[in-house]
C-alpha cells in the first residue's frame, strides 16, 4: 500500500536522521576529513529529501546515501584542490584517495556511528565544543536548535562548531584508536558529554521552560546507541538506566500552569512505568557484576526512588549510603549537596543542616557557581523545617536570584513566607 502524503515525509525524515551519522562515519573513515565529510553528507541528505518522497526510500538507504555522499565528497575535494592549488599535497596527505576519478566504494554494512561519537568527543576539544559537535554531527540537530537549547545566538554556536571542526583538522584527528585504553578513555568522555546533554534538557539552564524534551530524548537515543554498540560496558548501561529512571518522572515535574512540582510532591501515578521497568532491568543486570561506577550508583539511587510508593516511604538511609559511596568515587559539589538532602531525610533536618554547614566550610558550596543556587534552596528548606522562617526566606530569595530558569524562579519566590511542607527538594 503506498504511503500517505503525510507519512512519507515523516518516514524520510526518520530514515535520514537515523542514517546520517553512519554516512558521515563512512566518509570520514575513508577520507579523514571531518569538515568536508559533513558538508558532503548534508548535500547527500538534500538530494534524498528532493527525490525520496516521490521515488520512495531505497531498499538500502545507507548504501544509497554513502554513494551519493562519496560523489559529493570528490566534488568538494576537487574544488578545494583547484582553489588552493593543493592537488599533489592532498594526494600525498591522504593515501586512501588515490585519484578523484576512482569509482565509489562498495558499501559494507558497517556501523560507524560509535566512531563519529568518539571523534566528536576528541580530547583536543573543549567540553562545550564536544557537546555542540555531538549534537550537530551525531544527533542531527541544526545549529539553530543547538543554539536555542543553550541560550546562545546562532552565529555564536555556528562559530563554536566551525572552530571545533578546525581543531579536529589541525590535530589530525582520525578514527584510528590506538589500544583498549584509548577506546576506554574516549568512551568516558562520550558518556560525560551525553550526561551533560541530558542534564541540560532535564532542567534547562535558562528560559521559560523547565525542560527541553528534545535534548533529553536525544541524549537517551544516543546513549541507547552507545549501549547497543558496547553492550558489555557496565557504566554505559548504568548511564542509560539513570536517564530512563530520571526521565520517567518528566510528566509529574510541572503542574498544568507549568509550575515546578518537586519530587516530594509529585503524583507518582504519572511516572512512566515502562521507562522505570527498563531502567531497573538495566541497572539490576549490571549491578551484580560488581564493577560499580558513578553512573551505576546514580542509577541505583534513582531506582530506589522509583520503587517507593511515596516520598516518605523511600529508603532514605540506603540512598544516603549510596551517595556517600558515590561521593568517595566522585567528590563533586552536586553529589555532596545531594548527600545533604538524603541525610536530612534519613536522620532529620538538623543533622542535614549540620552536614551542609560542614561541607560549605570545607568546600565553599554557596560560592560554587555550579551548585550555589541549589545550596541556598536546600538550606532554605531545612531552615523552614526547623521553624527558622525568616532565615529561610533570605535563602529562598538568594536562590531565586541565582537561577535563570523562570519556572524554578517562580517556585522559589512562592516559597517565601510559606513554610516548606516537610521534605527537602
Protein backbone atom coordinates (compact mmCIF):
# COMPACT_ATOMS: atom_id res chain seq x y z
CA UNK A 1 0.00 0.00 0.00
CA UNK A 2 1.51 3.41 -0.95
CA UNK A 3 2.40 5.75 1.88
CA UNK A 4 0.13 8.70 2.60
CA UNK A 5 1.17 12.25 1.78
CA UNK A 6 1.83 12.83 5.47
CA UNK A 7 3.52 9.56 6.40
CA UNK A 8 6.03 9.54 3.52
CA UNK A 9 7.85 12.76 4.55
CA UNK A 10 7.88 11.62 8.16
CA UNK A 11 9.44 8.29 7.19
CA UNK A 12 12.03 10.03 5.02
CA UNK A 13 12.93 12.37 7.90
CA UNK A 14 13.24 9.44 10.31
CA UNK A 15 15.47 7.42 7.97
CA UNK A 16 17.72 10.38 7.20
CA UNK A 17 18.15 11.26 10.87
CA UNK A 18 18.98 7.66 11.69
CA UNK A 19 21.42 7.13 8.81
CA UNK A 20 23.27 10.47 8.76
CA UNK A 21 25.86 9.53 11.46
CA UNK A 22 26.60 6.23 9.69
CA UNK A 23 27.16 8.01 6.36
CA UNK A 24 29.33 10.65 7.99
CA UNK A 25 31.37 7.93 9.68
CA UNK A 26 31.89 6.05 6.41
CA UNK A 27 33.15 9.17 4.63
CA UNK A 28 35.42 10.29 7.45
CA UNK A 29 36.82 6.77 7.78
CA UNK A 30 37.69 6.77 4.07
CA UNK A 31 38.86 10.36 3.58
CA UNK A 32 39.90 11.52 7.05
CA UNK A 33 38.35 14.94 6.54
CA UNK A 34 35.60 15.60 9.07
CA UNK A 35 34.61 19.10 7.96
CA UNK A 36 34.38 18.21 4.26
CA UNK A 37 32.64 14.92 5.02
CA UNK A 38 29.91 16.70 6.96
CA UNK A 39 29.31 19.07 4.04
CA UNK A 40 29.13 16.09 1.68
CA UNK A 41 26.63 14.32 3.95
CA UNK A 42 24.43 17.43 4.10
CA UNK A 43 24.40 17.61 0.30
CA UNK A 44 23.54 13.91 0.07
CA UNK A 45 20.68 14.42 2.51
CA UNK A 46 19.34 17.30 0.40
CA UNK A 47 19.34 15.07 -2.67
CA UNK A 48 17.41 12.43 -0.72
CA UNK A 49 14.89 15.00 0.54
CA UNK A 50 14.21 16.04 -3.05
CA UNK A 51 13.97 12.55 -4.52
CA UNK A 52 12.76 10.07 -1.91
CA UNK A 53 9.26 11.47 -1.28
CA UNK A 54 8.44 10.80 -4.96
CA UNK A 55 10.68 7.81 -5.70
CA UNK A 56 10.34 6.10 -2.32
CA UNK A 57 13.01 5.24 0.25
CA UNK A 58 15.59 2.86 -1.29
CA UNK A 59 15.84 -0.69 -0.01
CA UNK A 60 19.32 0.12 1.32
CA UNK A 61 19.17 3.82 2.24
CA UNK A 62 22.60 3.83 3.90
CA UNK A 63 24.30 2.46 0.80
CA UNK A 64 22.45 4.98 -1.37
CA UNK A 65 23.47 7.90 0.83
CA UNK A 66 27.09 6.77 1.08
CA UNK A 67 27.39 6.53 -2.72
CA UNK A 68 25.88 9.99 -3.21
CA UNK A 69 27.95 11.38 -0.35
CA UNK A 70 31.11 9.88 -1.85
CA UNK A 71 30.50 11.67 -5.15
CA UNK A 72 29.80 14.93 -3.31
CA UNK A 73 32.99 14.45 -1.32
CA UNK A 74 35.00 14.06 -4.53
CA UNK A 75 33.45 17.27 -5.87
CA UNK A 76 34.38 19.14 -2.70
CA UNK A 77 37.95 17.85 -2.76
CA UNK A 78 38.33 18.81 -6.41
CA UNK A 79 37.03 22.28 -5.64
CA UNK A 80 39.41 22.66 -2.71
CA UNK A 81 42.34 21.42 -4.76
CA UNK A 82 41.57 23.79 -7.59
CA UNK A 83 41.11 26.82 -5.37
CA UNK A 84 44.15 26.21 -3.16
CA UNK A 85 46.39 24.54 -5.71
CA UNK A 86 46.98 21.64 -3.38
CA UNK A 87 46.32 18.73 -5.70
CA UNK A 88 49.58 16.86 -5.13
CA UNK A 89 49.79 17.74 -1.43
CA UNK A 90 46.29 16.36 -0.86
CA UNK A 91 47.11 13.17 -2.74
CA UNK A 92 50.18 12.57 -0.58
CA UNK A 93 48.42 13.55 2.66
CA UNK A 94 45.57 11.10 2.18
CA UNK A 95 46.73 7.73 0.85
CA UNK A 96 43.12 6.48 0.72
CA UNK A 97 42.26 8.92 -2.05
CA UNK A 98 44.29 7.51 -4.97
CA UNK A 99 42.63 9.66 -7.58
CA UNK A 100 39.39 11.65 -7.57
CA UNK A 101 38.08 9.76 -10.60
CA UNK A 102 38.10 6.37 -8.88
CA UNK A 103 34.66 4.74 -8.56
CA UNK A 104 32.62 4.95 -5.39
CA UNK A 105 33.48 2.17 -2.94
CA UNK A 106 31.40 -0.90 -2.39
CA UNK A 107 29.38 -0.27 0.75
CA UNK A 108 29.91 -2.67 3.64
CA UNK A 109 27.23 -2.95 6.30
CA UNK A 110 29.46 -1.35 8.94
CA UNK A 111 28.23 0.74 11.84
CA UNK A 112 30.35 3.89 12.10
CA UNK A 113 28.07 5.80 14.48
CA UNK A 114 30.20 4.97 17.53
CA UNK A 115 33.29 6.26 15.75
CA UNK A 116 31.58 9.55 14.92
CA UNK A 117 30.53 9.96 18.55
CA UNK A 118 34.06 9.26 19.78
CA UNK A 119 35.54 11.66 17.22
CA UNK A 120 33.16 14.42 18.35
CA UNK A 121 34.36 13.79 21.92
CA UNK A 122 38.02 14.10 20.94
CA UNK A 123 40.20 15.29 23.86
CA UNK A 124 41.55 18.21 21.82
CA UNK A 125 38.10 19.86 22.04
CA UNK A 126 36.64 21.82 24.92
CA UNK A 127 33.67 20.34 26.75
CA UNK A 128 31.30 22.93 25.20
CA UNK A 129 32.59 22.10 21.72
CA UNK A 130 32.26 18.37 22.35
CA UNK A 131 28.61 18.82 23.29
CA UNK A 132 27.83 21.09 20.33
CA UNK A 133 29.61 18.91 17.78
CA UNK A 134 27.97 15.73 19.12
CA UNK A 135 24.50 17.26 18.81
CA UNK A 136 25.31 18.52 15.32
CA UNK A 137 27.07 15.53 13.78
CA UNK A 138 25.62 12.57 15.68
CA UNK A 139 22.30 13.93 16.88
CA UNK A 140 21.44 15.66 13.63
CA UNK A 141 20.25 18.86 15.35
CA UNK A 142 20.59 22.06 13.37
CA UNK A 143 22.86 24.85 14.53
CA UNK A 144 19.72 26.89 15.29
CA UNK A 145 18.29 24.13 17.51
CA UNK A 146 21.55 23.73 19.44
CA UNK A 147 21.88 27.49 19.92
CA UNK A 148 18.30 27.74 21.21
CA UNK A 149 18.85 24.89 23.66
CA UNK A 150 21.91 26.55 25.17
CA UNK A 151 20.69 30.13 25.10
CA UNK A 152 23.30 31.25 22.55
CA UNK A 153 22.93 33.05 19.24
CA UNK A 154 23.02 31.01 16.06
CA UNK A 155 26.16 32.89 14.99
CA UNK A 156 27.94 32.10 18.25
CA UNK A 157 27.04 28.43 18.09
CA UNK A 158 27.96 28.22 14.40
CA UNK A 159 31.35 29.70 15.19
CA UNK A 160 31.87 27.23 18.04
CA UNK A 161 31.05 24.26 15.80
CA UNK A 162 33.23 25.59 12.99
CA UNK A 163 36.19 26.06 15.34
CA UNK A 164 35.69 22.55 16.69
CA UNK A 165 35.98 21.14 13.18
CA UNK A 166 39.10 23.21 12.55
CA UNK A 167 40.60 21.95 15.80
CA UNK A 168 39.98 18.35 14.74
CA UNK A 169 41.63 19.05 11.43
CA UNK A 170 44.69 20.71 12.98
CA UNK A 171 45.10 17.89 15.48
CA UNK A 172 44.93 15.30 12.72
CA UNK A 173 42.05 13.59 14.48
CA UNK A 174 41.07 10.37 12.74
CA UNK A 175 39.14 7.26 13.58
CA UNK A 176 42.21 5.20 14.45
CA UNK A 177 42.11 4.13 18.10
CA UNK A 178 45.50 3.08 19.43
CA UNK A 179 44.51 0.48 22.04
CA UNK A 180 41.87 -0.55 24.58
CA UNK A 181 42.96 2.21 26.97
CA UNK A 182 42.47 4.80 24.23
CA UNK A 183 38.99 3.44 23.49
CA UNK A 184 38.08 3.36 27.19
CA UNK A 185 39.21 6.96 27.63
CA UNK A 186 37.16 8.18 24.70
CA UNK A 187 34.07 6.30 25.91
CA UNK A 188 34.41 8.02 29.30
CA UNK A 189 34.41 11.42 27.57
CA UNK A 190 31.45 10.43 25.39
CA UNK A 191 29.43 9.39 28.45
CA UNK A 192 30.17 12.69 30.16
CA UNK A 193 29.03 14.62 27.08
CA UNK A 194 25.78 12.63 26.87
CA UNK A 195 25.23 13.14 30.61
CA UNK A 196 25.66 16.92 30.18
CA UNK A 197 23.21 16.96 27.27
CA UNK A 198 20.62 15.06 29.31
CA UNK A 199 21.00 17.30 32.36
CA UNK A 200 20.63 20.46 30.30
CA UNK A 201 17.42 19.05 28.83
CA UNK A 202 16.05 17.81 32.16
CA UNK A 203 16.40 21.21 33.85
CA UNK A 204 17.19 23.93 31.34
CA UNK A 205 19.81 26.43 32.48
CA UNK A 206 17.75 29.33 31.21
CA UNK A 207 14.44 30.12 29.54
CA UNK A 208 10.73 29.87 30.23
CA UNK A 209 10.55 26.07 30.14
CA UNK A 210 11.64 23.76 32.91
CA UNK A 211 12.73 21.03 30.50
CA UNK A 212 13.98 20.66 26.94
CA UNK A 213 12.42 17.37 25.84
CA UNK A 214 14.32 17.46 22.54
CA UNK A 215 17.63 17.34 24.41
CA UNK A 216 16.65 14.63 26.91
CA UNK A 217 15.24 12.49 24.10
CA UNK A 218 18.39 12.95 22.04
CA UNK A 219 20.62 12.08 24.99
CA UNK A 220 18.61 8.90 25.62
CA UNK A 221 18.72 7.97 21.92
CA UNK A 222 22.48 8.43 21.64
CA UNK A 223 23.16 6.62 24.93
CA UNK A 224 20.94 3.76 23.79
CA UNK A 225 23.01 3.62 20.60
CA UNK A 226 26.23 3.58 22.62
CA UNK A 227 24.87 0.75 24.78
CA UNK A 228 23.90 -1.25 21.67
CA UNK A 229 27.39 -0.85 20.27
CA UNK A 230 29.12 -1.55 23.62
CA UNK A 231 26.75 -3.96 25.40
CA UNK A 232 29.41 -5.20 27.83
CA UNK A 233 30.28 -1.74 29.20
CA UNK A 234 28.62 -1.65 32.62
CA UNK A 235 28.88 2.13 33.04
CA UNK A 236 27.22 2.73 29.66
CA UNK A 237 24.31 0.55 30.80
CA UNK A 238 24.29 2.45 34.10
CA UNK A 239 24.12 5.80 32.30
CA UNK A 240 21.21 4.65 30.14
CA UNK A 241 19.41 3.31 33.22
CA UNK A 242 19.96 6.61 35.03
CA UNK A 243 18.50 8.61 32.15
CA UNK A 244 15.45 6.36 31.81
CA UNK A 245 14.70 6.27 35.55
CA UNK A 246 15.08 10.06 35.81
CA UNK A 247 13.21 10.98 32.63
CA UNK A 248 10.35 8.71 33.72
CA UNK A 249 9.31 11.49 36.16
CA UNK A 250 9.08 14.17 33.49
CA UNK A 251 5.28 14.46 33.23
CA UNK A 252 4.94 14.84 37.01
CA UNK A 253 7.52 17.63 37.38
CA UNK A 254 5.25 20.50 36.37
CA UNK A 255 1.63 21.41 37.12
CA UNK A 256 -0.90 22.47 34.43
CA UNK A 257 0.38 26.06 34.69
CA UNK A 258 3.99 24.91 34.19
CA UNK A 259 4.80 25.41 37.84
CA UNK A 260 7.61 23.30 39.30
CA UNK A 261 6.50 20.27 41.33
CA UNK A 262 9.34 18.98 43.50
CA UNK A 263 9.93 15.25 43.89
CA UNK A 264 8.31 15.15 47.33
CA UNK A 265 5.01 16.45 45.94
CA UNK A 266 4.86 14.63 42.61
CA UNK A 267 1.94 12.40 41.62
CA UNK A 268 3.82 9.14 41.13
CA UNK A 269 0.99 7.63 39.13
CA UNK A 270 2.16 9.93 36.33
CA UNK A 271 5.63 8.42 36.26
CA UNK A 272 6.34 6.36 33.12
CA UNK A 273 6.28 2.76 34.34
CA UNK A 274 7.69 1.32 31.11
CA UNK A 275 10.75 3.53 31.33
CA UNK A 276 11.16 2.64 35.00
CA UNK A 277 10.92 -1.08 34.25
CA UNK A 278 13.54 -0.83 31.50
CA UNK A 279 15.84 1.26 33.68
CA UNK A 280 15.59 -1.17 36.59
CA UNK A 281 16.29 -4.15 34.31
CA UNK A 282 19.42 -2.42 33.06
CA UNK A 283 20.79 -1.49 36.48
CA UNK A 284 19.90 -4.86 38.02
CA UNK A 285 21.67 -6.58 35.13
CA UNK A 286 25.00 -4.79 35.63
CA UNK A 287 24.89 -4.32 39.41
CA UNK A 288 25.58 -7.99 40.02
CA UNK A 289 28.81 -7.72 38.01
CA UNK A 290 30.32 -5.83 40.99
CA UNK A 291 32.10 -3.36 38.70
CA UNK A 292 30.31 -0.38 40.15
CA UNK A 293 30.94 3.11 38.78
CA UNK A 294 29.38 6.57 39.31
CA UNK A 295 26.62 6.24 36.72
CA UNK A 296 25.53 2.88 38.13
CA UNK A 297 25.41 4.35 41.64
CA UNK A 298 23.26 7.24 40.46
CA UNK A 299 21.00 4.80 38.63
CA UNK A 300 20.71 2.72 41.81
CA UNK A 301 19.62 5.85 43.69
CA UNK A 302 17.04 6.64 41.01
CA UNK A 303 15.84 3.03 41.12
CA UNK A 304 15.36 3.27 44.90
CA UNK A 305 13.18 6.35 44.38
CA UNK A 306 11.22 4.54 41.67
CA UNK A 307 10.44 1.60 43.95
CA UNK A 308 8.95 3.77 46.70
CA UNK A 309 5.21 4.38 46.76
CA UNK A 310 5.73 7.86 48.18
CA UNK A 311 8.44 10.28 49.30
CA UNK A 312 8.04 9.23 52.94
CA UNK A 313 8.19 5.51 52.06
CA UNK A 314 11.56 5.97 50.35
CA UNK A 315 14.50 4.06 51.80
CA UNK A 316 16.42 7.21 52.73
CA UNK A 317 19.18 5.50 54.77
CA UNK A 318 20.03 3.40 51.69
CA UNK A 319 20.08 6.49 49.47
CA UNK A 320 22.29 8.34 51.96
CA UNK A 321 24.70 5.37 51.96
CA UNK A 322 24.74 5.25 48.15
CA UNK A 323 25.51 8.98 48.00
CA UNK A 324 28.38 8.52 50.47
CA UNK A 325 29.77 5.76 48.24
CA UNK A 326 29.27 7.98 45.19
CA UNK A 327 30.99 10.92 46.87
CA UNK A 328 34.06 8.79 47.52
CA UNK A 329 34.24 7.96 43.80
CA UNK A 330 33.38 11.46 42.56
CA UNK A 331 33.77 14.13 45.25
CA UNK A 332 31.91 16.86 43.36
CA UNK A 333 29.74 19.68 44.67
CA UNK A 334 26.43 18.38 43.21
CA UNK A 335 26.97 14.95 44.77
CA UNK A 336 27.89 16.43 48.16
CA UNK A 337 24.74 18.53 48.10
CA UNK A 338 22.57 15.57 47.15
CA UNK A 339 24.02 13.65 50.12
CA UNK A 340 22.92 16.52 52.39
CA UNK A 341 19.34 16.11 51.18
CA UNK A 342 19.43 12.32 51.71
CA UNK A 343 20.93 12.66 55.21
CA UNK A 344 18.29 15.25 56.14
CA UNK A 345 15.54 12.88 55.05
CA UNK A 346 17.07 9.84 56.72
CA UNK A 347 18.16 11.41 60.03
CA UNK A 348 16.36 14.75 60.33
CA UNK A 349 16.79 18.38 59.17
CA UNK A 350 19.13 19.39 62.00
CA UNK A 351 21.66 16.72 61.06
CA UNK A 352 21.27 17.64 57.40
CA UNK A 353 21.88 21.32 58.16
CA UNK A 354 24.97 20.46 60.22
CA UNK A 355 26.36 18.44 57.30
CA UNK A 356 25.59 21.29 54.90
CA UNK A 357 27.40 23.77 57.14
CA UNK A 358 30.40 21.44 57.38
CA UNK A 359 30.60 20.87 53.61
CA UNK A 360 30.10 24.58 52.96
CA UNK A 361 33.05 25.41 55.23
CA UNK A 362 35.26 22.76 53.68
CA UNK A 363 34.25 23.14 50.01
CA UNK A 364 32.51 26.56 49.79
CA UNK A 365 29.35 25.18 48.16
CA UNK A 366 27.49 28.51 48.24
CA UNK A 367 30.38 30.09 46.31
CA UNK A 368 30.44 27.36 43.68
CA UNK A 369 28.52 28.59 40.59
CA UNK A 370 27.66 25.01 39.73
CA UNK A 371 25.57 24.44 42.88
CA UNK A 372 25.24 27.80 44.66
CA UNK A 373 21.59 28.22 43.69
CA UNK A 374 20.63 24.74 44.89
CA UNK A 375 22.74 25.09 48.05
CA UNK A 376 20.71 28.14 49.05
CA UNK A 377 17.46 26.34 48.22
CA UNK A 378 18.36 23.26 50.28
CA UNK A 379 19.40 25.42 53.23
CA UNK A 380 16.10 27.31 52.96
CA UNK A 381 14.04 24.10 53.14
CA UNK A 382 16.00 22.80 56.09
CA UNK A 383 15.61 26.11 57.97
CA UNK A 384 11.88 26.08 57.22
CA UNK A 385 11.57 22.61 58.71
CA UNK A 386 13.38 23.83 61.81
CA UNK A 387 10.98 26.79 62.13
CA UNK A 388 13.54 29.47 61.21
CA UNK A 389 11.32 31.04 58.56
CA UNK A 390 12.96 34.47 58.33
CA UNK A 391 16.36 32.96 57.61
CA UNK A 392 14.70 30.55 55.20
CA UNK A 393 13.11 33.44 53.27
CA UNK A 394 16.53 35.06 52.81
CA UNK A 395 17.90 31.81 51.42
CA UNK A 396 14.92 31.37 49.05
CA UNK A 397 15.49 34.88 47.69
CA UNK A 398 19.20 34.23 47.25
CA UNK A 399 18.43 31.01 45.35
CA UNK A 400 15.87 32.76 43.13
CA UNK A 401 18.38 35.47 42.25
CA UNK A 402 20.85 32.84 41.05
CA UNK A 403 18.64 30.93 38.61
CA UNK A 404 17.90 31.93 35.02
CA UNK A 405 15.15 29.33 34.66
CA UNK A 406 11.81 31.10 35.01
CA UNK A 407 9.96 28.04 36.31
CA UNK A 408 12.46 27.49 39.11
CA UNK A 409 12.45 31.19 39.98
CA UNK A 410 8.67 31.28 40.32
CA UNK A 411 8.74 28.23 42.60
CA UNK A 412 11.38 29.76 44.89
CA UNK A 413 9.52 33.06 45.18
CA UNK A 414 6.32 31.16 46.08
CA UNK A 415 8.16 29.51 48.97
CA UNK A 416 8.93 32.86 50.64
CA UNK A 417 6.69 33.29 53.76
CA UNK A 418 5.35 29.79 53.15
CA UNK A 419 6.85 27.04 55.33
CA UNK A 420 8.13 24.03 53.49
CA UNK A 421 5.73 21.03 53.61
CA UNK A 422 8.31 18.80 55.29
CA UNK A 423 10.79 17.19 52.92
CA UNK A 424 13.68 18.92 51.23
CA UNK A 425 13.69 19.34 47.41
